Amino acid sequence: MISDINFLLVGNSRLHWAKYSKNRSKFFHTKKEEKVPENIDLDQLIWASVGKLPNFLLKKENEIKTKDIHLSNLPDYFGIDRALACLAALKIIENPLKKDFLIADFGTILSITKLNSNGSIIGGQLIPGFLTQLKSMEQNTKNLKVPKKYDIPIKDFLITTEEAILKGVINSLTGVINNLFNPEKDILVICGGDSELLTKSLKTQKENIIKAPNLVMEGMIIHNLTINN
């Protein structure tokens, strides 16, 4: 049994950390340019990456790759974050009716992954995430700017440009979930940095949504516990 071990997922925009100690997990996040948090032993750090590596040294032998995750029909080219989220959902979410899992990870990219109750990957979709869409509008147009506040309008048709941008982007992200999710057949699992913001705009009843913001990090811990037991 392992204890007092640290985990890192290198994301596209942030670093995601987990500390596992005495059967308890603690999660936190830092910017890529920040220093390594105190009490982190880089030689013992278990890590995975979907983004550009930070400027501190990570031991290659401590890396978790998609090929290390044992799920049926999981391609090696799947992002490790998606693989870990699937592993965690399968292990920790109760599913007495044997429904499919629909996992929506709201990060730099909205990744949607579906797997059945036996852990076999069905497939998914990838959509530019909330900030990715906002920044793209600013970069590729003359007059559109990233809004300074993310107050999502309730109305569907807006006059101000800022509100129209926010509502449009939110609808593009929640619309695909509303279109794909069937409560009779699926368990919807929401995770990722923008999950709290986006969940409010989903049309499905809130009791049908399982919010697990640190699902990927939980997958890292589960994987490491499994191979060390």
Protein backbone atom coordinates (compact mmCIF):
# COMPACT_ATOMS: atom_id res chain seq x y z
CA MET A 1 0.00 0.00 0.00
CA ILE A 2 1.40 3.40 -0.99
CA SER A 3 1.06 6.61 1.01
CA ASP A 4 2.22 10.21 0.87
CA ILE A 5 2.66 10.35 -2.88
CA ASN A 6 2.24 13.30 -5.23
CA PHE A 7 0.77 13.39 -8.71
CA LEU A 8 0.92 15.95 -11.52
CA LEU A 9 -1.07 16.34 -14.71
CA VAL A 10 0.50 18.85 -17.09
CA GLY A 11 -2.42 20.54 -18.80
CA ASN A 12 -2.46 22.93 -21.72
CA SER A 13 -2.89 26.00 -19.53
CA ARG A 14 -2.31 24.89 -15.92
CA LEU A 15 -0.60 22.31 -13.74
CA HIS A 16 -2.93 20.01 -11.81
CA TRP A 17 -1.64 18.45 -8.59
CA ALA A 18 -2.85 15.76 -6.23
CA LYS A 19 -1.49 14.56 -2.92
CA TYR A 20 -2.50 11.13 -1.68
CA SER A 21 -1.90 10.41 1.99
CA LYS A 22 -3.54 8.00 4.43
CA ASN A 23 -6.34 7.13 2.00
CA ARG A 24 -7.19 10.78 1.46
CA SER A 25 -6.64 12.96 -1.58
CA LYS A 26 -6.00 16.69 -1.83
CA PHE A 27 -6.16 18.55 -5.14
CA PHE A 28 -4.83 21.94 -6.20
CA HIS A 29 -3.77 23.78 -9.33
CA THR A 30 -0.99 26.19 -10.27
CA LYS A 31 0.05 28.24 -13.27
CA LYS A 32 2.81 26.82 -15.44
CA GLU A 33 5.22 29.63 -14.67
CA GLU A 34 4.93 29.18 -10.90
CA LYS A 35 7.56 27.38 -8.86
CA VAL A 36 7.16 23.76 -7.83
CA PRO A 37 5.01 23.64 -4.67
CA GLU A 38 6.77 22.93 -1.39
CA ASN A 39 7.30 19.34 -0.25
CA ILE A 40 7.14 17.97 -3.81
CA ASP A 41 9.89 15.43 -4.48
CA LEU A 42 10.34 15.51 -8.26
CA ASP A 43 12.19 12.17 -8.19
CA GLN A 44 9.08 10.48 -6.76
CA LEU A 45 6.44 12.53 -8.57
CA ILE A 46 4.01 10.48 -10.68
CA TRP A 47 3.01 12.50 -13.71
CA ALA A 48 1.21 12.59 -17.05
CA SER A 49 1.00 15.28 -19.70
CA VAL A 50 -1.35 16.60 -22.35
CA GLY A 51 0.39 19.96 -22.72
CA LYS A 52 3.83 21.50 -23.08
CA LEU A 53 6.11 20.32 -20.26
CA PRO A 54 7.02 22.83 -17.53
CA ASN A 55 10.55 24.13 -17.01
CA PHE A 56 11.41 21.68 -14.23
CA LEU A 57 12.68 18.15 -14.77
CA LEU A 58 10.24 15.26 -14.71
CA LYS A 59 11.55 11.71 -14.58
CA LYS A 60 10.54 9.79 -17.68
CA GLU A 61 10.16 6.52 -15.77
CA ASN A 62 7.44 8.12 -13.58
CA GLU A 63 5.22 9.08 -16.52
CA ILE A 64 1.81 7.50 -17.01
CA LYS A 65 0.91 7.04 -20.67
CA THR A 66 -2.32 6.03 -22.34
CA LYS A 67 -0.92 2.60 -23.16
CA ASP A 68 -0.58 1.98 -19.40
CA ILE A 69 -4.34 2.29 -18.86
CA HIS A 70 -6.12 -1.02 -19.32
CA LEU A 71 -9.53 -0.30 -20.84
CA SER A 72 -11.10 -2.18 -23.71
CA ASN A 73 -10.96 -0.51 -27.13
CA LEU A 74 -8.74 2.33 -25.82
CA PRO A 75 -6.47 3.61 -28.63
CA ASP A 76 -2.91 4.59 -27.68
CA TYR A 77 -3.43 7.97 -29.34
CA PHE A 78 -6.25 8.91 -26.92
CA GLY A 79 -5.23 11.71 -24.58
CA ILE A 80 -4.03 10.40 -21.23
CA ASP A 81 -6.46 12.77 -19.50
CA ARG A 82 -9.41 11.15 -21.27
CA ALA A 83 -8.12 7.66 -20.45
CA LEU A 84 -7.67 8.51 -16.76
CA ALA A 85 -11.11 10.11 -16.56
CA CYS A 86 -12.66 6.95 -17.99
CA LEU A 87 -10.77 4.78 -15.51
CA ALA A 88 -11.90 6.92 -12.57
CA ALA A 89 -15.54 7.02 -13.67
CA LEU A 90 -15.60 3.26 -14.06
CA LYS A 91 -14.10 2.68 -10.61
CA ILE A 92 -15.74 5.27 -8.36
CA ILE A 93 -19.17 6.10 -9.81
CA GLU A 94 -22.03 3.83 -8.83
CA ASN A 95 -23.79 2.37 -11.86
CA PRO A 96 -26.33 -0.25 -10.73
CA LEU A 97 -28.37 0.06 -13.95
CA LYS A 98 -25.29 -0.57 -16.13
CA LYS A 99 -25.68 2.63 -18.11
CA ASP A 100 -23.05 4.10 -20.41
CA PHE A 101 -20.79 6.84 -19.02
CA LEU A 102 -20.74 10.17 -20.90
CA ILE A 103 -17.75 12.13 -19.61
CA ALA A 104 -17.50 15.84 -20.44
CA ASP A 105 -14.16 17.43 -19.51
CA PHE A 106 -14.48 21.21 -19.76
CA GLY A 107 -10.90 22.42 -20.14
CA THR A 108 -8.87 24.12 -22.87
CA ILE A 109 -10.66 21.60 -25.05
CA LEU A 110 -14.09 20.18 -24.26
CA SER A 111 -13.44 16.47 -24.60
CA ILE A 112 -16.46 14.19 -24.63
CA THR A 113 -15.86 10.50 -24.13
CA LYS A 114 -18.37 7.69 -23.96
CA LEU A 115 -17.72 4.22 -22.55
CA ASN A 116 -19.98 1.39 -21.52
CA SER A 117 -20.40 -0.10 -18.06
CA ASN A 118 -17.80 -2.78 -18.84
CA GLY A 119 -15.13 -0.17 -19.51
CA SER A 120 -15.08 -0.39 -23.30
CA ILE A 121 -14.49 2.91 -25.08
CA ILE A 122 -17.29 3.81 -27.51
CA GLY A 123 -15.81 7.10 -28.77
CA GLY A 124 -16.30 10.81 -28.36
CA GLN A 125 -15.96 14.34 -29.67
CA LEU A 126 -13.51 17.23 -29.23
CA ILE A 127 -14.62 20.87 -29.24
CA PRO A 128 -12.66 24.09 -28.56
CA GLY A 129 -13.14 24.99 -24.90
CA PHE A 130 -14.62 28.11 -23.32
CA LEU A 131 -11.51 30.31 -23.20
CA THR A 132 -10.15 28.79 -26.40
CA GLN A 133 -13.22 29.97 -28.28
CA LEU A 134 -13.16 33.42 -26.69
CA LYS A 135 -9.47 33.92 -27.48
CA SER A 136 -9.96 32.69 -31.02
CA MET A 137 -12.61 35.34 -31.62
CA GLU A 138 -10.26 38.04 -30.39
CA GLN A 139 -7.32 36.76 -32.44
CA ASN A 140 -9.21 36.28 -35.68
CA THR A 141 -11.43 39.37 -35.79
CA LYS A 142 -10.89 43.10 -35.65
CA ASN A 143 -13.50 44.18 -33.11
CA LEU A 144 -14.26 41.24 -30.81
CA LYS A 145 -12.53 41.07 -27.44
CA VAL A 146 -12.46 38.49 -24.66
CA PRO A 147 -15.01 39.66 -22.05
CA LYS A 148 -13.51 40.69 -18.72
CA LYS A 149 -16.34 39.09 -16.73
CA TYR A 150 -18.06 35.79 -17.35
CA ASP A 151 -21.61 36.65 -16.35
CA ILE A 152 -23.61 34.33 -18.57
CA PRO A 153 -26.83 35.98 -19.81
CA ILE A 154 -30.16 34.26 -19.25
CA LYS A 155 -31.77 35.61 -22.43
CA ASP A 156 -31.12 34.00 -25.80
CA PHE A 157 -30.94 37.15 -27.91
CA LEU A 158 -28.60 39.88 -26.74
CA ILE A 159 -27.86 43.45 -27.81
CA THR A 160 -24.38 43.99 -26.37
CA THR A 161 -21.47 42.32 -28.14
CA GLU A 162 -19.94 41.04 -24.91
CA GLU A 163 -23.13 39.27 -23.85
CA ALA A 164 -23.69 37.89 -27.34
CA ILE A 165 -20.18 36.39 -27.36
CA LEU A 166 -20.62 34.76 -23.96
CA LYS A 167 -24.03 33.32 -24.77
CA GLY A 168 -22.89 32.02 -28.13
CA VAL A 169 -19.85 30.25 -26.73
CA ILE A 170 -21.79 28.77 -23.83
CA ASN A 171 -24.48 27.50 -26.19
CA SER A 172 -21.89 25.89 -28.45
CA LEU A 173 -20.49 23.93 -25.50
CA THR A 174 -23.64 23.03 -23.61
CA GLY A 175 -25.58 22.41 -26.80
CA VAL A 176 -23.43 19.46 -27.78
CA ILE A 177 -23.89 17.93 -24.31
CA ASN A 178 -27.64 18.49 -24.41
CA ASN A 179 -27.69 16.84 -27.83
CA LEU A 180 -25.62 13.77 -26.87
CA PHE A 181 -26.83 13.04 -23.36
CA ASN A 182 -29.73 10.61 -22.93
CA PRO A 183 -30.59 10.28 -19.20
CA GLU A 184 -32.31 6.95 -19.81
CA LYS A 185 -29.15 5.39 -21.24
CA ASP A 186 -26.26 7.47 -19.90
CA ILE A 187 -24.64 8.73 -16.72
CA LEU A 188 -23.34 12.26 -17.36
CA VAL A 189 -20.07 13.03 -15.58
CA ILE A 190 -18.79 16.62 -15.66
CA CYS A 191 -15.17 17.53 -14.88
CA GLY A 192 -12.50 20.09 -15.74
CA GLY A 193 -11.67 23.66 -14.84
CA ASP A 194 -14.71 25.27 -16.46
CA SER A 195 -17.17 22.61 -15.34
CA GLU A 196 -18.81 24.74 -12.64
CA LEU A 197 -19.43 27.60 -15.06
CA LEU A 198 -20.83 25.37 -17.80
CA THR A 199 -22.96 23.08 -15.63
CA LYS A 200 -25.31 25.94 -14.77
CA SER A 201 -26.28 26.27 -18.43
CA LEU A 202 -27.04 22.61 -19.14
CA LYS A 203 -30.72 21.92 -19.80
CA THR A 204 -30.78 18.50 -18.19
CA GLN A 205 -32.02 18.17 -14.63
CA LYS A 206 -29.23 18.71 -12.15
CA GLU A 207 -29.87 15.38 -10.40
CA ASN A 208 -28.80 13.68 -13.64
CA ILE A 209 -25.36 15.28 -13.48
CA ILE A 210 -22.43 13.94 -11.49
CA LYS A 211 -19.89 16.70 -10.84
CA ALA A 212 -16.36 15.39 -10.37
CA PRO A 213 -14.01 18.33 -11.03
CA ASN A 214 -10.85 16.32 -10.24
CA LEU A 215 -11.86 13.14 -12.05
CA VAL A 216 -8.63 12.90 -14.08
CA MET A 217 -6.44 13.25 -10.99
CA GLU A 218 -8.52 10.62 -9.22
CA GLY A 219 -7.78 8.37 -12.18
CA MET A 220 -4.05 8.86 -11.66
CA ILE A 221 -4.34 7.83 -8.02
CA ILE A 222 -6.51 4.82 -8.84
CA HIS A 223 -4.07 3.67 -11.53
CA ASN A 224 -1.10 3.94 -9.20
CA LEU A 225 -2.89 2.15 -6.37
CA THR A 226 -3.84 -0.65 -8.73
CA ILE A 227 -0.34 -1.33 -10.03
CA ASN A 228 1.16 -1.19 -6.53
CA ASN A 229 -1.25 -3.61 -4.88
